[in-house]
Amino acid sequence: PKLTDFPHLTPTPALDGVQFEIKPQFITMIERKQFSGAKGEDPNLHIADFCQYCNTIRQAGVTQDQIREILFPFSLYGKSKLWFNGLNRTALGITDWETLALNFYNKYYPAERTAVLRSAIQNFAQEADETLYEAWERFKDLQRECPHHNLAQWQLIQAFYNGLGNSS
C-alpha cells in the first residue's frame, strides 16, 4: 500500500516547498487548551481560542489557514482526536481550513442548538428599546455563536432588514 491509499493520513496542507517549523513551545501552548468532544465543551469557543493562538504565528509563504490546518490536530484529544484521525479528507472534500472547521462544527455543535440559533438568525427582530447599532451587534453575535449557519449573505441581510422595527 501507498500513503495515498489512506486518505486520512495524507499530509495537509501542501506547502509547495516552503520550509516551515513549528516551535515546540507553541504546540505545548495549543495542547493546554485541547478539545475532547465531551458534553459541555464549547466547540465555538475552542475554534475561537485556537484561531487566536494561530494568529500569533507568521511564516513567509504560509497562510493562516495552512497554519491552522497543520496545528489543529494538536488541539484535540480523546474522542475528538479519534474523530479527526478517522476523517477521510478526500471523500469529505476537506481541502482547506474552512471545510475542516465546518466538519468539526457539524460533528461537535449540537444539532438542536444549531437549529435554535439558525432560527434566531432567520427570525431576527429588533427589540422595542434597541437602537439600530445594538440590533446589528446582537445580530452579529448570533452569527458568531453559530458560524456554520449555512445562510447566504443575501439571506442574512434580508433577515436583518425584515427584523428592523418588528419587535414582539
C-alpha atoms as a PDB file:
ATOM      1  CA  PRO A   1       0.000   0.000   0.000  1.00  0.00           C
ATOM      2  CA  LYS A   2       0.933   3.624  -0.559  1.00  0.00           C
ATOM      3  CA  LEU A   3       0.227   6.629   1.648  1.00  0.00           C
ATOM      4  CA  THR A   4      -2.412   7.746  -0.861  1.00  0.00           C
ATOM      5  CA  ASP A   5      -4.340   4.523  -0.095  1.00  0.00           C
ATOM      6  CA  PHE A   6      -5.059   6.049   3.321  1.00  0.00           C
ATOM      7  CA  PRO A   7      -6.543   9.495   2.547  1.00  0.00           C
ATOM      8  CA  HIS A   8      -6.976  10.437   6.198  1.00  0.00           C
ATOM      9  CA  LEU A   9      -3.204  10.060   6.642  1.00  0.00           C
ATOM     10  CA  THR A  10      -2.282  12.234   3.672  1.00  0.00           C
ATOM     11  CA  PRO A  11      -0.312  15.209   4.989  1.00  0.00           C
ATOM     12  CA  THR A  12      -2.075  18.517   4.518  1.00  0.00           C
ATOM     13  CA  PRO A  13      -1.823  21.226   3.543  1.00  0.00           C
ATOM     14  CA  ALA A  14       0.754  21.203   0.781  1.00  0.00           C
ATOM     15  CA  LEU A  15       3.284  23.941   1.441  1.00  0.00           C
ATOM     16  CA  ASP A  16       4.837  23.945  -2.038  1.00  0.00           C
ATOM     17  CA  GLY A  17       8.455  23.664  -0.907  1.00  0.00           C
ATOM     18  CA  VAL A  18       8.235  26.248   1.886  1.00  0.00           C
ATOM     19  CA  GLN A  19      10.358  25.409   4.920  1.00  0.00           C
ATOM     20  CA  PHE A  20       8.090  25.661   7.957  1.00  0.00           C
ATOM     21  CA  GLU A  21       8.999  24.803  11.512  1.00  0.00           C
ATOM     22  CA  ILE A  22       6.596  24.751  14.424  1.00  0.00           C
ATOM     23  CA  LYS A  23       8.296  25.630  17.683  1.00  0.00           C
ATOM     24  CA  PRO A  24       7.637  23.021  20.410  1.00  0.00           C
ATOM     25  CA  GLN A  25       6.538  25.693  22.897  1.00  0.00           C
ATOM     26  CA  PHE A  26       3.761  26.708  20.509  1.00  0.00           C
ATOM     27  CA  ILE A  27       2.480  23.135  20.289  1.00  0.00           C
ATOM     28  CA  THR A  28       2.587  22.989  24.100  1.00  0.00           C
ATOM     29  CA  MET A  29       0.541  26.203  24.276  1.00  0.00           C
ATOM     30  CA  ILE A  30      -2.115  24.743  21.968  1.00  0.00           C
ATOM     31  CA  GLU A  31      -2.163  21.435  23.851  1.00  0.00           C
ATOM     32  CA  ARG A  32      -3.055  23.307  27.056  1.00  0.00           C
ATOM     33  CA  LYS A  33      -6.456  24.165  25.556  1.00  0.00           C
ATOM     34  CA  GLN A  34      -7.360  20.852  23.937  1.00  0.00           C
ATOM     35  CA  PHE A  35     -10.879  19.835  22.997  1.00  0.00           C
ATOM     36  CA  SER A  36     -12.048  16.315  23.784  1.00  0.00           C
ATOM     37  CA  GLY A  37     -15.594  16.370  22.450  1.00  0.00           C
ATOM     38  CA  ALA A  38     -17.071  15.813  25.917  1.00  0.00           C
ATOM     39  CA  LYS A  39     -20.551  17.057  26.689  1.00  0.00           C
ATOM     40  CA  GLY A  40     -20.461  20.627  27.947  1.00  0.00           C
ATOM     41  CA  GLU A  41     -17.386  21.660  25.955  1.00  0.00           C
ATOM     42  CA  ASP A  42     -17.996  24.599  23.627  1.00  0.00           C
ATOM     43  CA  PRO A  43     -16.698  23.878  20.108  1.00  0.00           C
ATOM     44  CA  ASN A  44     -17.227  27.509  19.105  1.00  0.00           C
ATOM     45  CA  LEU A  45     -15.031  28.729  21.954  1.00  0.00           C
ATOM     46  CA  HIS A  46     -12.433  26.089  21.112  1.00  0.00           C
ATOM     47  CA  ILE A  47     -12.183  27.263  17.488  1.00  0.00           C
ATOM     48  CA  ALA A  48     -12.082  30.925  18.563  1.00  0.00           C
ATOM     49  CA  ASP A  49      -9.269  30.274  21.079  1.00  0.00           C
ATOM     50  CA  PHE A  50      -7.406  28.049  18.634  1.00  0.00           C
ATOM     51  CA  CYS A  51      -7.548  30.670  15.861  1.00  0.00           C
ATOM     52  CA  GLN A  52      -6.398  33.343  18.288  1.00  0.00           C
ATOM     53  CA  TYR A  53      -3.315  31.261  19.121  1.00  0.00           C
ATOM     54  CA  CYS A  54      -2.633  30.555  15.460  1.00  0.00           C
ATOM     55  CA  ASN A  55      -2.860  34.261  14.625  1.00  0.00           C
ATOM     56  CA  THR A  56       0.324  34.802  16.640  1.00  0.00           C
ATOM     57  CA  ILE A  57       2.372  32.763  14.124  1.00  0.00           C
ATOM     58  CA  ARG A  58       3.673  34.343  10.955  1.00  0.00           C
ATOM     59  CA  GLN A  59       5.681  32.500   8.338  1.00  0.00           C
ATOM     60  CA  ALA A  60       6.602  33.763   4.866  1.00  0.00           C
ATOM     61  CA  GLY A  61       4.869  31.694   2.208  1.00  0.00           C
ATOM     62  CA  VAL A  62       2.423  30.066   4.655  1.00  0.00           C
ATOM     63  CA  THR A  63      -1.157  31.315   5.052  1.00  0.00           C
ATOM     64  CA  GLN A  64      -3.016  31.497   8.351  1.00  0.00           C
ATOM     65  CA  ASP A  65      -5.363  28.791   7.075  1.00  0.00           C
ATOM     66  CA  GLN A  66      -2.420  26.472   6.384  1.00  0.00           C
ATOM     67  CA  ILE A  67      -1.052  27.120   9.869  1.00  0.00           C
ATOM     68  CA  ARG A  68      -4.475  26.279  11.325  1.00  0.00           C
ATOM     69  CA  GLU A  69      -4.721  23.054   9.338  1.00  0.00           C
ATOM     70  CA  ILE A  70      -1.257  21.962  10.431  1.00  0.00           C
ATOM     71  CA  LEU A  71      -1.810  22.733  14.119  1.00  0.00           C
ATOM     72  CA  PHE A  72      -5.454  21.717  14.525  1.00  0.00           C
ATOM     73  CA  PRO A  73      -4.744  18.049  15.387  1.00  0.00           C
ATOM     74  CA  PHE A  74      -2.621  19.245  18.339  1.00  0.00           C
ATOM     75  CA  SER A  75      -5.699  20.994  19.765  1.00  0.00           C
ATOM     76  CA  LEU A  76      -7.640  17.729  20.026  1.00  0.00           C
ATOM     77  CA  TYR A  77      -7.529  14.704  22.311  1.00  0.00           C
ATOM     78  CA  GLY A  78      -9.690  11.759  23.282  1.00  0.00           C
ATOM     79  CA  LYS A  79     -12.781  11.193  21.157  1.00  0.00           C
ATOM     80  CA  SER A  80     -12.232  14.317  19.082  1.00  0.00           C
ATOM     81  CA  LYS A  81      -8.710  13.167  18.164  1.00  0.00           C
ATOM     82  CA  LEU A  82     -10.108   9.769  17.142  1.00  0.00           C
ATOM     83  CA  TRP A  83     -12.742  11.561  15.052  1.00  0.00           C
ATOM     84  CA  PHE A  84     -10.052  13.671  13.366  1.00  0.00           C
ATOM     85  CA  ASN A  85      -7.769  10.715  12.703  1.00  0.00           C
ATOM     86  CA  GLY A  86     -10.666   8.822  11.125  1.00  0.00           C
ATOM     87  CA  LEU A  87     -11.638  11.605   8.725  1.00  0.00           C
ATOM     88  CA  ASN A  88     -11.442  10.671   5.089  1.00  0.00           C
ATOM     89  CA  ARG A  89     -10.489  14.164   3.954  1.00  0.00           C
ATOM     90  CA  THR A  90     -10.673  13.255   0.276  1.00  0.00           C
ATOM     91  CA  ALA A  91     -14.139  11.701   0.430  1.00  0.00           C
ATOM     92  CA  LEU A  92     -15.472  14.579   2.534  1.00  0.00           C
ATOM     93  CA  GLY A  93     -13.936  17.211   0.264  1.00  0.00           C
ATOM     94  CA  ILE A  94     -11.809  18.654   3.056  1.00  0.00           C
ATOM     95  CA  THR A  95      -9.209  20.618   1.157  1.00  0.00           C
ATOM     96  CA  ASP A  96      -8.805  23.704   3.337  1.00  0.00           C
ATOM     97  CA  TRP A  97      -9.235  25.095   6.843  1.00  0.00           C
ATOM     98  CA  GLU A  98     -12.781  26.324   6.222  1.00  0.00           C
ATOM     99  CA  THR A  99     -14.130  22.882   5.277  1.00  0.00           C
ATOM    100  CA  LEU A 100     -12.182  21.252   8.121  1.00  0.00           C
ATOM    101  CA  ALA A 101     -13.667  23.704  10.634  1.00  0.00           C
ATOM    102  CA  LEU A 102     -17.154  23.195   9.159  1.00  0.00           C
ATOM    103  CA  ASN A 103     -16.808  19.419   9.581  1.00  0.00           C
ATOM    104  CA  PHE A 104     -15.706  19.998  13.175  1.00  0.00           C
ATOM    105  CA  TYR A 105     -18.753  22.195  13.857  1.00  0.00           C
ATOM    106  CA  ASN A 106     -21.083  19.692  12.228  1.00  0.00           C
ATOM    107  CA  LYS A 107     -19.664  16.958  14.449  1.00  0.00           C
ATOM    108  CA  TYR A 108     -19.482  18.768  17.792  1.00  0.00           C
ATOM    109  CA  TYR A 109     -22.071  21.518  17.752  1.00  0.00           C
ATOM    110  CA  PRO A 110     -25.358  20.041  18.973  1.00  0.00           C
ATOM    111  CA  ALA A 111     -27.913  19.913  16.155  1.00  0.00           C
ATOM    112  CA  GLU A 112     -30.654  21.316  18.360  1.00  0.00           C
ATOM    113  CA  ARG A 113     -28.515  24.330  19.303  1.00  0.00           C
ATOM    114  CA  THR A 114     -27.677  24.916  15.657  1.00  0.00           C
ATOM    115  CA  ALA A 115     -31.388  24.787  14.784  1.00  0.00           C
ATOM    116  CA  VAL A 116     -32.322  27.229  17.560  1.00  0.00           C
ATOM    117  CA  LEU A 117     -29.608  29.728  16.627  1.00  0.00           C
ATOM    118  CA  ARG A 118     -30.250  29.432  12.903  1.00  0.00           C
ATOM    119  CA  SER A 119     -33.934  30.114  13.570  1.00  0.00           C
ATOM    120  CA  ALA A 120     -32.998  33.108  15.752  1.00  0.00           C
ATOM    121  CA  ILE A 121     -30.919  34.494  12.880  1.00  0.00           C
ATOM    122  CA  GLN A 122     -33.635  33.913  10.283  1.00  0.00           C
ATOM    123  CA  ASN A 123     -36.409  35.328  12.508  1.00  0.00           C
ATOM    124  CA  PHE A 124     -34.404  38.194  13.952  1.00  0.00           C
ATOM    125  CA  ALA A 125     -36.451  41.084  15.356  1.00  0.00           C
ATOM    126  CA  GLN A 126     -35.227  44.391  16.690  1.00  0.00           C
ATOM    127  CA  GLU A 127     -36.330  44.868  20.298  1.00  0.00           C
ATOM    128  CA  ALA A 128     -38.518  47.845  21.240  1.00  0.00           C
ATOM    129  CA  ASP A 129     -35.841  49.710  23.201  1.00  0.00           C
ATOM    130  CA  GLU A 130     -32.941  48.650  20.970  1.00  0.00           C
ATOM    131  CA  THR A 131     -31.054  51.093  18.749  1.00  0.00           C
ATOM    132  CA  LEU A 132     -30.120  50.122  15.199  1.00  0.00           C
ATOM    133  CA  TYR A 133     -26.494  49.715  16.308  1.00  0.00           C
ATOM    134  CA  GLU A 134     -27.467  47.485  19.249  1.00  0.00           C
ATOM    135  CA  ALA A 135     -29.686  45.378  16.974  1.00  0.00           C
ATOM    136  CA  TRP A 136     -26.840  44.997  14.464  1.00  0.00           C
ATOM    137  CA  GLU A 137     -24.407  43.960  17.218  1.00  0.00           C
ATOM    138  CA  ARG A 138     -26.876  41.399  18.584  1.00  0.00           C
ATOM    139  CA  PHE A 139     -27.433  40.067  15.056  1.00  0.00           C
ATOM    140  CA  LYS A 140     -23.673  39.694  14.534  1.00  0.00           C
ATOM    141  CA  ASP A 141     -23.397  37.957  17.947  1.00  0.00           C
ATOM    142  CA  LEU A 142     -25.959  35.373  16.806  1.00  0.00           C
ATOM    143  CA  GLN A 143     -23.877  34.692  13.705  1.00  0.00           C
ATOM    144  CA  ARG A 144     -20.703  34.367  15.801  1.00  0.00           C
ATOM    145  CA  GLU A 145     -22.447  31.859  18.070  1.00  0.00           C
ATOM    146  CA  CYS A 146     -23.362  29.754  15.052  1.00  0.00           C
ATOM    147  CA  PRO A 147     -20.735  30.313  12.349  1.00  0.00           C
ATOM    148  CA  HIS A 148     -21.909  27.208  10.498  1.00  0.00           C
ATOM    149  CA  HIS A 149     -25.444  28.569   9.928  1.00  0.00           C
ATOM    150  CA  ASN A 150     -25.111  27.963   6.155  1.00  0.00           C
ATOM    151  CA  LEU A 151     -27.128  31.065   5.282  1.00  0.00           C
ATOM    152  CA  ALA A 152     -26.129  33.039   2.216  1.00  0.00           C
ATOM    153  CA  GLN A 153     -25.125  36.684   2.632  1.00  0.00           C
ATOM    154  CA  TRP A 154     -28.345  37.852   0.967  1.00  0.00           C
ATOM    155  CA  GLN A 155     -30.401  35.764   3.414  1.00  0.00           C
ATOM    156  CA  LEU A 156     -28.609  37.343   6.363  1.00  0.00           C
ATOM    157  CA  ILE A 157     -29.175  40.847   5.029  1.00  0.00           C
ATOM    158  CA  GLN A 158     -32.826  40.079   4.334  1.00  0.00           C
ATOM    159  CA  ALA A 159     -33.351  38.601   7.830  1.00  0.00           C
ATOM    160  CA  PHE A 160     -31.803  41.660   9.474  1.00  0.00           C
ATOM    161  CA  TYR A 161     -33.692  44.141   7.300  1.00  0.00           C
ATOM    162  CA  ASN A 162     -37.019  42.350   7.782  1.00  0.00           C
ATOM    163  CA  GLY A 163     -36.463  42.301  11.534  1.00  0.00           C
ATOM    164  CA  LEU A 164     -35.944  46.038  11.894  1.00  0.00           C
ATOM    165  CA  GLY A 165     -38.781  47.745  13.751  1.00  0.00           C
ATOM    166  CA  ASN A 166     -40.599  44.369  14.164  1.00  0.00           C
ATOM    167  CA  SER A 167     -40.248  43.923  17.899  1.00  0.00           C
ATOM    168  CA  SER A 168     -42.551  41.469  19.588  1.00  0.00           C
END
